Amino acid sequence: MKTHYFFCTLLSVFISFQALCQNLVPNIYDKADSSFASVEIYGLSSSNNITPFWLHANQYGIIPKDSPTGALKVSIQKFWPAASTTNEPRKFRVGIGAEVVGNRSQNNEILLPQAYVAMRYKGWELSVGRKKQNVGLADSTLGMGSYAWSGNAMPLPKIQLGTMGFIDVPFTKGWLAFNAFYSDGFFEKNRPYTSDLLFHQKALYLRIGNQNSRLKLIGGINHQVQWSGYSPYETINGKMPSGIKNYFRAVTGKLYPVGEELTPFDYENRVGNHLGTIDFGLQYLGFNYHWFFYRQNIYEDGSLFTLNNLADGLNGVTIKKQNSYGSNFEINQITLEYLYTKSQGGSQWDRTIILGRDNYFNHAQVRDGYSYFNRTIGTPFIPPSSDTEWRWPAYWFTANNRVAALHLGLQGSVFQKVLWMSKLSVSNNSGIYDVPFEGNPKQFSGILSLQTHLSILGGSTLKGSVAADMGDLYRKSVGFSLGLRKDFNL
């Protein structure tokens, strides 16, 4: 069961998708004040027509899980008036962004992972449509992805109001700043078990320490809700609670009053499927290295409130080198993470005694789970049953949400001309409490990516990757990708 036992007034960090060599925290939007366009062609293939995990995970749902694949991607972002050439930012700007991807594989498709319009005033932005973002305090470049919103699925269509970075709290002289957003959206119309499902999301991020502080403390919470729509499970006449009153209950996590015509499931829980993380971080800006430590604590049905699932969460540290000494081989950034989701408050659930058996990303009403077009919205280490049912029993959405995963991300350069990046992950997988996996299958997934600048086409970027899956969770596979990108300034 998925319920939201409490709703806090502090809310979370959201850190956008960042390019390979971009700084970690604190900016929210990638190239937020830039106008640009790019065209990219790429292809991938694998040893058994199955795309290895790290070739498709956390790619905003644009890389097919089958191969071979050939693709064309066109991206554009344009804001008016143009970005200021001085340190004084433009106060008011309007803009658009779009990304179109055409995949030719076993199932040809045209995807629209970005399509939005936006208005910006000072440090605030109102956007409508699909727009890439990550939610949660973690490294979005080399890490395994934030627990609640990792960039693994395509962005949901939303209307969102939020900050574009840190905004100083008045009268604190920059020593206290916040970063926040509030949004509502909707899922694909016809899902396997539900339809017309709505989405609510918000976050607040607090920072102690001004821009020049070497030491900064960071913390907050994010909150996601799937609600309304239709489901044949645990509902009256197939309809989930909807309307203005229930929207308020979804936003606040408020319980139902006695007397309304609802199912026992609704009375025992909250409106819809609530989940998120409470995050804490520490950033130290040294002369030679920047350090970033973070922890994401998981909440779904109250286990965190009673501290029953305190063992569960994402732990990480990122070390970023600040100076290059011109070596032929350099490591410029290291990210080490550990994800644990096996506790879930224990194997028992009782509303008044033990709030365990959280069954992350599954839900008794929303049986197609915390997903968008059958891609996990949160961490890709909790995969859809369709990824694992070749060997393990399937379940509603995911058959494997009790996971322990260790992850290493590395980034650097070779001969000062080639950028390289590697992700190496090992996991121990226990299935779910209802249907445990026999023997806790082990899994290794890894990738090595290279990119370099070429002079052809007036300047372009050549990219290539080799990835492999070895273990008992996914089919064994080795694959590679190759792409060429041309960027334009608008």
Protein backbone atom coordinates (compact mmCIF):
# COMPACT_ATOMS: atom_id res chain seq x y z
CA MET A 1 0.00 0.00 0.00
CA LYS A 2 1.08 3.49 -0.75
CA THR A 3 -0.01 6.28 1.55
CA HIS A 4 1.36 9.56 2.74
CA TYR A 5 1.35 9.65 6.54
CA PHE A 6 2.60 13.12 7.01
CA PHE A 7 3.31 16.20 4.98
CA CYS A 8 6.13 18.51 5.97
CA THR A 9 6.37 22.21 5.36
CA LEU A 10 10.01 22.00 4.33
CA LEU A 11 10.42 20.80 0.75
CA SER A 12 13.29 19.60 -1.53
CA VAL A 13 16.12 20.46 -3.82
CA PHE A 14 15.71 20.10 -7.42
CA ILE A 15 18.86 19.93 -9.50
CA SER A 16 18.57 19.88 -13.26
CA PHE A 17 20.13 17.52 -15.73
CA GLN A 18 23.66 18.72 -16.35
CA ALA A 19 26.08 18.11 -19.20
CA LEU A 20 29.11 15.90 -18.74
CA CYS A 21 31.52 18.62 -17.58
CA GLN A 22 29.10 20.98 -15.85
CA ASN A 23 29.38 21.93 -12.18
CA LEU A 24 27.32 19.99 -9.65
CA VAL A 25 25.21 22.25 -7.43
CA PRO A 26 23.65 24.83 -7.15
CA ASN A 27 22.11 25.99 -10.44
CA ILE A 28 18.66 24.63 -11.16
CA TYR A 29 18.25 24.84 -14.92
CA ASP A 30 20.83 23.66 -17.43
CA LYS A 31 21.80 26.58 -19.71
CA ALA A 32 18.95 28.52 -18.13
CA ASP A 33 19.79 31.87 -19.76
CA SER A 34 21.05 30.53 -23.09
CA SER A 35 19.46 30.38 -26.51
CA PHE A 36 20.77 27.45 -28.51
CA ALA A 37 19.94 24.64 -30.90
CA SER A 38 21.51 21.28 -31.67
CA VAL A 39 21.13 18.42 -34.11
CA GLU A 40 22.37 14.95 -33.22
CA ILE A 41 22.41 11.61 -35.00
CA TYR A 42 23.30 8.42 -33.17
CA GLY A 43 22.94 4.67 -33.31
CA LEU A 44 23.31 1.78 -30.90
CA SER A 45 23.50 -1.97 -31.09
CA SER A 46 23.95 -4.87 -28.66
CA SER A 47 24.88 -8.52 -28.52
CA ASN A 48 21.32 -9.84 -28.03
CA ASN A 49 19.04 -6.98 -29.17
CA ILE A 50 18.62 -5.83 -25.54
CA THR A 51 19.96 -2.34 -24.77
CA PRO A 52 22.27 -2.49 -21.72
CA PHE A 53 21.00 -0.71 -18.60
CA TRP A 54 23.32 2.31 -18.59
CA LEU A 55 22.71 3.05 -22.28
CA HIS A 56 18.99 3.70 -21.67
CA ALA A 57 18.65 4.51 -17.93
CA ASN A 58 18.26 8.18 -16.89
CA GLN A 59 18.03 9.34 -20.51
CA TYR A 60 14.54 10.85 -20.15
CA GLY A 61 12.94 7.83 -21.82
CA ILE A 62 14.30 8.52 -25.31
CA ILE A 63 16.56 5.45 -25.73
CA PRO A 64 14.66 2.25 -26.66
CA LYS A 65 15.27 -0.86 -24.58
CA ASP A 66 15.59 -2.92 -27.75
CA SER A 67 18.32 -2.61 -30.35
CA PRO A 68 19.67 -1.95 -32.93
CA THR A 69 18.44 1.64 -33.02
CA GLY A 70 19.13 4.63 -35.21
CA ALA A 71 17.98 8.06 -34.08
CA LEU A 72 17.81 11.74 -34.93
CA LYS A 73 17.43 14.35 -32.15
CA VAL A 74 16.75 18.05 -32.69
CA SER A 75 16.73 20.46 -29.74
CA ILE A 76 16.07 24.19 -29.42
CA GLN A 77 15.77 26.76 -26.65
CA LYS A 78 15.14 30.44 -27.30
CA PHE A 79 14.51 33.31 -24.87
CA TRP A 80 13.65 36.94 -25.53
CA PRO A 81 15.22 39.41 -24.93
CA ALA A 82 18.69 37.93 -25.31
CA ALA A 83 20.72 37.17 -22.20
CA SER A 84 22.41 40.20 -20.68
CA THR A 85 26.11 40.66 -21.41
CA THR A 86 26.60 42.29 -18.00
CA ASN A 87 26.32 40.86 -14.52
CA GLU A 88 22.83 42.37 -14.20
CA PRO A 89 20.31 39.74 -15.39
CA ARG A 90 17.25 40.60 -17.46
CA LYS A 91 14.22 41.11 -15.20
CA PHE A 92 11.58 39.75 -17.60
CA ARG A 93 12.01 37.18 -20.33
CA VAL A 94 9.82 34.79 -22.33
CA GLY A 95 10.96 31.66 -24.11
CA ILE A 96 10.27 28.31 -25.67
CA GLY A 97 12.01 24.95 -25.67
CA ALA A 98 11.53 21.79 -27.68
CA GLU A 99 13.25 18.49 -28.34
CA VAL A 100 12.12 16.00 -30.95
CA VAL A 101 13.54 12.47 -31.16
CA GLY A 102 12.89 10.02 -33.97
CA ASN A 103 13.88 6.41 -33.21
CA ARG A 104 14.08 3.69 -35.82
CA SER A 105 14.19 0.31 -34.12
CA GLN A 106 11.89 -2.69 -33.66
CA ASN A 107 9.18 -0.17 -32.77
CA ASN A 108 9.59 3.08 -34.71
CA GLU A 109 8.55 6.13 -32.71
CA ILE A 110 8.67 9.91 -32.57
CA LEU A 111 9.08 11.32 -29.06
CA LEU A 112 8.74 14.81 -27.65
CA PRO A 113 10.72 14.81 -24.37
CA GLN A 114 10.65 18.60 -24.22
CA ALA A 115 8.00 21.07 -25.40
CA TYR A 116 7.37 24.10 -23.21
CA VAL A 117 6.77 27.82 -23.03
CA ALA A 118 8.11 29.85 -20.13
CA MET A 119 7.96 33.31 -18.60
CA ARG A 120 10.72 34.48 -16.26
CA TYR A 121 10.79 37.40 -13.89
CA LYS A 122 13.95 38.00 -11.88
CA GLY A 123 14.66 34.64 -10.23
CA TRP A 124 11.23 33.07 -10.90
CA GLU A 125 9.87 31.03 -13.80
CA LEU A 126 6.40 29.93 -14.88
CA SER A 127 6.55 27.08 -17.40
CA VAL A 128 3.89 25.04 -19.19
CA GLY A 129 4.57 21.74 -20.94
CA ARG A 130 7.24 19.08 -20.78
CA LYS A 131 10.57 20.25 -19.41
CA LYS A 132 13.57 18.26 -18.23
CA GLN A 133 14.44 18.47 -14.55
CA ASN A 134 15.71 16.35 -11.69
CA VAL A 135 14.28 16.49 -8.21
CA GLY A 136 16.34 15.64 -5.15
CA LEU A 137 19.66 16.39 -3.57
CA ALA A 138 22.13 14.24 -5.53
CA ASP A 139 24.67 14.31 -8.34
CA SER A 140 22.66 14.17 -11.57
CA THR A 141 25.74 13.81 -13.83
CA LEU A 142 27.58 10.73 -12.53
CA GLY A 143 25.16 9.34 -9.94
CA MET A 144 22.54 6.62 -10.21
CA GLY A 145 19.70 9.15 -10.16
CA SER A 146 17.63 10.70 -7.38
CA TYR A 147 15.22 8.33 -5.70
CA ALA A 148 11.96 10.15 -6.47
CA TRP A 149 12.67 11.86 -9.82
CA SER A 150 15.75 10.68 -11.64
CA GLY A 151 15.28 11.65 -15.29
CA ASN A 152 14.67 8.01 -16.22
CA ALA A 153 11.25 8.68 -17.81
CA MET A 154 10.10 11.39 -20.17
CA PRO A 155 9.03 14.57 -18.34
CA LEU A 156 5.33 14.76 -17.53
CA PRO A 157 3.32 17.65 -19.00
CA LYS A 158 2.98 20.16 -16.14
CA ILE A 159 2.34 23.74 -15.27
CA GLN A 160 5.01 24.81 -12.81
CA LEU A 161 5.90 27.93 -10.88
CA GLY A 162 9.27 28.00 -9.19
CA THR A 163 12.63 29.62 -8.68
CA MET A 164 15.48 29.34 -11.15
CA GLY A 165 18.13 29.05 -8.48
CA PHE A 166 18.73 30.27 -4.97
CA ILE A 167 16.81 33.32 -3.84
CA ASP A 168 18.03 35.07 -0.70
CA VAL A 169 15.65 35.24 2.22
CA PRO A 170 15.18 38.94 3.08
CA PHE A 171 17.23 40.39 5.96
CA THR A 172 19.65 37.40 6.05
CA LYS A 173 22.38 38.99 3.86
CA GLY A 174 22.44 35.86 1.72
CA TRP A 175 23.17 33.47 4.56
CA LEU A 176 19.77 31.81 4.11
CA ALA A 177 18.39 31.10 0.64
CA PHE A 178 15.61 28.96 -0.79
CA ASN A 179 14.81 27.14 -4.01
CA ALA A 180 11.24 25.94 -4.58
CA PHE A 181 8.57 24.96 -7.10
CA TYR A 182 4.90 23.96 -7.20
CA SER A 183 3.38 22.07 -10.12
CA ASP A 184 0.44 20.04 -11.40
CA GLY A 185 0.25 17.80 -14.44
CA PHE A 186 -1.16 14.61 -15.91
CA PHE A 187 -0.09 11.14 -17.02
CA GLU A 188 -0.61 9.37 -20.33
CA LYS A 189 -4.35 8.83 -20.93
CA ASN A 190 -4.55 5.05 -21.20
CA ARG A 191 -2.24 3.17 -18.87
CA PRO A 192 -2.30 -0.60 -18.28
CA TYR A 193 -4.52 -0.34 -15.16
CA THR A 194 -5.57 3.31 -14.85
CA SER A 195 -6.67 6.24 -17.00
CA ASP A 196 -6.94 10.03 -16.66
CA LEU A 197 -4.47 9.98 -13.78
CA LEU A 198 -3.36 13.39 -12.47
CA PHE A 199 -0.06 14.44 -10.90
CA HIS A 200 0.89 16.90 -8.19
CA GLN A 201 4.47 17.83 -7.24
CA LYS A 202 6.24 20.42 -5.13
CA ALA A 203 9.59 21.00 -3.50
CA LEU A 204 11.42 23.45 -1.27
CA TYR A 205 15.17 23.63 -0.88
CA LEU A 206 16.96 25.59 1.85
CA ARG A 207 20.63 26.57 1.95
CA ILE A 208 22.58 27.96 4.88
CA GLY A 209 25.69 29.80 3.75
CA ASN A 210 26.12 32.56 1.21
CA GLN A 211 27.60 32.32 -2.27
CA ASN A 212 31.15 32.90 -0.97
CA SER A 213 30.94 30.47 1.96
CA ARG A 214 33.26 27.51 1.76
CA LEU A 215 30.83 25.43 3.83
CA LYS A 216 27.15 25.22 2.94
CA LEU A 217 24.37 23.19 4.59
CA ILE A 218 21.49 22.10 2.38
CA GLY A 219 18.17 20.44 3.13
CA GLY A 220 14.57 20.01 2.12
CA ILE A 221 11.81 17.69 0.96
CA ASN A 222 10.04 16.76 -2.28
CA HIS A 223 6.46 15.53 -2.56
CA GLN A 224 4.86 13.64 -5.48
CA VAL A 225 1.22 12.46 -5.72
CA GLN A 226 -0.61 10.34 -8.30
CA TRP A 227 -4.34 10.95 -7.87
CA SER A 228 -7.82 11.18 -9.48
CA GLY A 229 -8.67 9.23 -12.65
CA TYR A 230 -10.08 5.74 -12.99
CA SER A 231 -8.98 2.36 -11.63
CA PRO A 232 -10.88 -0.95 -11.28
CA TYR A 233 -9.12 -1.64 -7.98
CA GLU A 234 -10.12 -0.42 -4.49
CA THR A 235 -12.58 2.14 -5.93
CA ILE A 236 -16.32 2.79 -6.11
CA ASN A 237 -17.58 2.30 -9.68
CA GLY A 238 -13.99 2.44 -10.89
CA LYS A 239 -13.49 6.12 -10.01
CA MET A 240 -10.72 7.35 -7.74
CA PRO A 241 -11.39 10.39 -5.49
CA SER A 242 -11.34 13.60 -7.53
CA GLY A 243 -12.51 17.21 -7.44
CA ILE A 244 -11.40 20.33 -5.57
CA LYS A 245 -11.80 18.90 -2.06
CA ASN A 246 -9.73 15.86 -2.93
CA TYR A 247 -7.13 18.00 -4.68
CA PHE A 248 -6.64 19.83 -1.39
CA ARG A 249 -6.32 16.45 0.37
CA ALA A 250 -3.77 15.30 -2.21
CA VAL A 251 -1.73 18.48 -1.75
CA THR A 252 -1.75 18.36 2.06
CA GLY A 253 -1.98 14.62 2.74
CA LYS A 254 -5.10 15.28 4.80
CA LEU A 255 -7.15 12.27 5.95
CA TYR A 256 -10.79 11.83 4.96
CA PRO A 257 -13.47 12.94 7.42
CA VAL A 258 -15.80 10.24 8.66
CA GLY A 259 -19.06 9.90 6.71
CA GLU A 260 -18.03 10.32 3.08
CA GLU A 261 -18.82 7.51 0.63
CA LEU A 262 -15.39 5.99 0.19
CA THR A 263 -13.76 2.58 0.11
CA PRO A 264 -12.01 1.13 3.17
CA PHE A 265 -8.74 1.63 1.28
CA ASP A 266 -9.41 5.37 1.01
CA TYR A 267 -10.23 5.69 4.70
CA GLU A 268 -7.06 3.85 5.73
CA ASN A 269 -4.85 5.87 3.41
CA ARG A 270 -4.71 9.28 1.72
CA VAL A 271 -5.96 10.55 -1.64
CA GLY A 272 -3.77 8.86 -4.25
CA ASN A 273 -0.22 7.57 -4.15
CA HIS A 274 2.17 9.81 -2.16
CA LEU A 275 5.95 9.49 -2.11
CA GLY A 276 9.14 11.50 -1.89
CA THR A 277 12.35 12.06 0.01
CA ILE A 278 13.62 14.28 2.78
CA ASP A 279 17.13 15.35 1.83
CA PHE A 280 20.18 16.65 3.64
CA GLY A 281 23.52 17.74 2.22
CA LEU A 282 26.82 19.37 3.03
CA GLN A 283 28.95 21.15 0.46
CA TYR A 284 32.56 22.16 1.07
CA LEU A 285 34.31 24.33 -1.52
CA GLY A 286 38.03 23.77 -1.15
CA PHE A 287 40.79 25.27 -3.26
CA ASN A 288 41.72 22.00 -4.99
CA TYR A 289 38.52 20.00 -4.53
CA HIS A 290 34.81 20.58 -4.04
CA TRP A 291 33.10 18.04 -1.78
CA PHE A 292 29.39 17.30 -1.68
CA PHE A 293 27.83 14.83 0.79
CA TYR A 294 24.12 14.00 0.59
CA ARG A 295 21.46 11.73 2.01
CA GLN A 296 17.91 11.10 0.72
CA ASN A 297 15.45 9.58 3.22
CA ILE A 298 12.47 7.80 1.65
CA TYR A 299 8.86 8.27 2.75
CA GLU A 300 5.68 6.64 1.43
CA ASP A 301 3.22 5.42 4.08
CA GLY A 302 4.51 6.73 7.38
CA SER A 303 7.39 4.37 8.07
CA LEU A 304 9.82 7.29 8.09
CA PHE A 305 7.61 9.16 10.57
CA THR A 306 7.93 6.22 12.98
CA LEU A 307 11.60 5.73 11.93
CA ASN A 308 10.84 2.14 10.90
CA ASN A 309 12.45 2.53 7.47
CA LEU A 310 15.32 4.81 8.47
CA ALA A 311 17.79 2.34 6.92
CA ASP A 312 16.32 3.04 3.47
CA GLY A 313 17.66 5.87 1.35
CA LEU A 314 20.30 7.14 -1.04
CA ASN A 315 23.72 8.09 0.35
CA GLY A 316 26.34 9.83 -1.76
CA VAL A 317 29.52 11.84 -1.98
CA THR A 318 30.89 13.74 -4.96
CA ILE A 319 34.46 15.02 -5.18
CA LYS A 320 35.16 17.47 -7.98
CA LYS A 321 38.68 18.58 -8.88
CA GLN A 322 39.05 22.33 -9.39
CA ASN A 323 42.43 22.59 -11.10
CA SER A 324 43.83 20.84 -14.15
CA TYR A 325 47.57 20.38 -14.43
CA GLY A 326 47.68 19.30 -18.07
CA SER A 327 48.24 15.59 -17.45
CA ASN A 328 47.66 13.10 -20.26
CA PHE A 329 45.18 11.26 -18.04
CA GLU A 330 43.06 12.99 -15.41
CA ILE A 331 40.18 12.09 -13.11
CA ASN A 332 38.25 15.31 -12.52
CA GLN A 333 35.19 14.03 -10.64
CA ILE A 334 34.29 11.01 -8.54
CA THR A 335 30.81 10.11 -7.29
CA LEU A 336 30.21 7.22 -4.90
CA GLU A 337 26.63 6.26 -3.94
CA TYR A 338 24.82 3.57 -1.99
CA LEU A 339 21.08 2.95 -2.38
CA TYR A 340 19.21 0.74 0.10
CA THR A 341 15.45 0.05 -0.07
CA LYS A 342 15.10 -3.36 1.59
CA SER A 343 13.67 -2.27 4.95
CA GLN A 344 10.41 -0.56 3.92
CA GLY A 345 9.50 -0.43 7.60
CA GLY A 346 9.50 -4.20 7.94
CA SER A 347 7.39 -6.96 6.44
CA GLN A 348 4.21 -6.16 8.43
CA TRP A 349 1.63 -3.41 7.92
CA ASP A 350 -0.94 -2.32 10.46
CA ARG A 351 -2.48 1.14 10.46
CA THR A 352 -2.29 1.57 14.24
CA ILE A 353 0.73 -0.58 15.14
CA ILE A 354 3.35 -1.12 12.42
CA LEU A 355 3.58 1.06 9.30
CA GLY A 356 5.76 -1.28 7.26
CA ARG A 357 5.61 -3.19 3.97
CA ASP A 358 5.80 0.07 2.02
CA ASN A 359 6.09 -1.68 -1.37
CA TYR A 360 7.89 1.25 -3.02
CA PHE A 361 6.54 2.47 -6.40
CA ASN A 362 3.62 -0.02 -6.30
CA HIS A 363 0.11 0.99 -5.22
CA ALA A 364 -3.13 -0.92 -4.67
CA GLN A 365 -5.20 1.56 -6.71
CA VAL A 366 -2.54 2.77 -9.16
CA ARG A 367 -1.37 -0.70 -10.14
CA ASP A 368 0.68 0.57 -13.08
CA GLY A 369 2.76 2.21 -10.39
CA TYR A 370 4.99 5.24 -10.21
CA SER A 371 5.73 5.19 -13.92
CA TYR A 372 5.28 7.09 -17.17
CA PHE A 373 5.01 5.13 -20.41
CA ASN A 374 6.24 2.06 -18.49
CA ARG A 375 9.43 3.80 -17.36
CA THR A 376 10.19 4.24 -13.68
CA ILE A 377 9.94 7.95 -12.80
CA GLY A 378 12.19 7.48 -9.78
CA THR A 379 15.41 5.53 -9.44
CA PRO A 380 15.95 3.14 -12.36
CA PHE A 381 17.21 0.55 -9.87
CA ILE A 382 13.53 -0.17 -9.13
CA PRO A 383 12.64 -1.39 -12.65
CA PRO A 384 9.31 -2.33 -14.29
CA SER A 385 8.35 -6.01 -14.13
CA SER A 386 8.63 -6.08 -17.93
CA ASP A 387 12.43 -5.69 -17.55
CA THR A 388 12.81 -8.69 -15.22
CA GLU A 389 9.91 -11.08 -15.95
CA TRP A 390 12.06 -13.12 -18.34
CA ARG A 391 13.37 -14.87 -15.21
CA TRP A 392 11.53 -13.57 -12.14
CA PRO A 393 7.80 -13.41 -11.25
CA ALA A 394 6.01 -10.27 -12.43
CA TYR A 395 3.99 -7.99 -10.16
CA TRP A 396 1.73 -4.94 -10.65
CA PHE A 397 4.35 -2.42 -11.76
CA THR A 398 7.65 -3.53 -10.26
CA ALA A 399 8.60 -6.94 -8.95
CA ASN A 400 11.85 -5.64 -7.47
CA ASN A 401 11.76 -2.74 -5.03
CA ARG A 402 13.93 -4.25 -2.27
CA VAL A 403 17.40 -3.34 -3.55
CA ALA A 404 20.89 -2.69 -2.24
CA ALA A 405 23.05 -0.98 -4.89
CA LEU A 406 26.62 0.37 -4.83
CA HIS A 407 27.54 2.82 -7.57
CA LEU A 408 30.75 4.51 -8.73
CA GLY A 409 30.80 7.35 -11.25
CA LEU A 410 34.03 8.75 -12.72
CA GLN A 411 34.73 11.56 -15.16
CA GLY A 412 37.97 12.93 -16.59
CA SER A 413 40.04 13.58 -19.69
CA VAL A 414 42.69 11.91 -21.85
CA PHE A 415 45.43 13.94 -23.60
CA GLN A 416 43.43 17.07 -22.69
CA LYS A 417 41.24 16.46 -25.77
CA VAL A 418 38.99 13.51 -25.01
CA LEU A 419 36.45 13.60 -22.19
CA TRP A 420 35.56 10.27 -20.63
CA MET A 421 32.88 9.15 -18.20
CA SER A 422 32.21 5.81 -16.54
CA LYS A 423 29.40 4.43 -14.38
CA LEU A 424 29.83 1.12 -12.56
CA SER A 425 26.99 -0.35 -10.50
CA VAL A 426 26.48 -3.59 -8.57
CA SER A 427 23.21 -4.53 -6.89
CA ASN A 428 21.67 -7.20 -4.70
CA ASN A 429 17.96 -7.67 -5.49
CA SER A 430 15.35 -9.26 -3.20
CA GLY A 431 12.12 -8.73 -5.17
CA ILE A 432 9.22 -7.51 -3.02
CA TYR A 433 7.86 -8.72 0.32
CA ASP A 434 4.85 -10.37 -1.38
CA VAL A 435 6.98 -12.26 -3.93
CA PRO A 436 10.63 -12.48 -2.83
CA PHE A 437 13.32 -13.33 -5.39
CA GLU A 438 14.97 -16.65 -4.66
CA GLY A 439 18.67 -16.28 -3.92
CA ASN A 440 18.80 -12.46 -4.07
CA PRO A 441 20.10 -12.21 -7.67
CA LYS A 442 23.20 -10.07 -8.19
CA GLN A 443 23.64 -7.64 -11.06
CA PHE A 444 26.48 -5.61 -12.57
CA SER A 445 25.88 -2.81 -15.06
CA GLY A 446 28.61 -0.56 -16.42
CA ILE A 447 29.34 2.00 -19.13
CA LEU A 448 32.35 3.86 -20.53
CA SER A 449 31.67 6.96 -22.65
CA LEU A 450 34.05 9.15 -24.64
CA GLN A 451 33.52 12.45 -26.43
CA THR A 452 35.77 14.83 -28.33
CA HIS A 453 35.53 17.95 -30.45
CA LEU A 454 35.93 17.67 -34.23
CA SER A 455 36.55 20.44 -36.76
CA ILE A 456 34.12 19.05 -39.34
CA LEU A 457 30.81 20.87 -39.96
CA GLY A 458 32.38 24.00 -38.53
CA GLY A 459 32.82 22.29 -35.17
CA SER A 460 30.97 19.26 -33.84
CA THR A 461 31.11 16.68 -31.06
CA LEU A 462 31.74 12.97 -31.56
CA LYS A 463 30.44 10.67 -28.80
CA GLY A 464 30.72 6.95 -28.22
CA SER A 465 29.86 4.49 -25.43
CA VAL A 466 30.36 0.83 -24.55
CA ALA A 467 28.09 -0.74 -21.91
CA ALA A 468 27.48 -4.18 -20.43
CA ASP A 469 25.02 -6.01 -18.18
CA MET A 470 26.21 -9.12 -16.34
CA GLY A 471 24.26 -10.93 -13.66
CA ASP A 472 20.94 -12.58 -12.94
CA LEU A 473 18.47 -9.67 -12.88
CA TYR A 474 18.68 -8.57 -16.53
CA ARG A 475 19.61 -10.50 -19.63
CA LYS A 476 23.35 -10.50 -20.21
CA SER A 477 24.19 -7.94 -22.87
CA VAL A 478 27.08 -5.93 -24.32
CA GLY A 479 26.29 -2.89 -26.44
CA PHE A 480 27.76 0.25 -27.95
CA SER A 481 26.53 3.61 -29.24
CA LEU A 482 28.02 6.22 -31.55
CA GLY A 483 26.75 9.74 -32.20
CA LEU A 484 27.62 13.09 -33.76
CA ARG A 485 26.21 16.41 -32.48
CA LYS A 486 26.29 19.88 -33.99
CA ASP A 487 25.52 22.85 -31.73
CA PHE A 488 24.28 26.27 -32.85
CA ASN A 489 24.12 29.59 -31.02
CA LEU A 490 20.88 31.50 -31.57
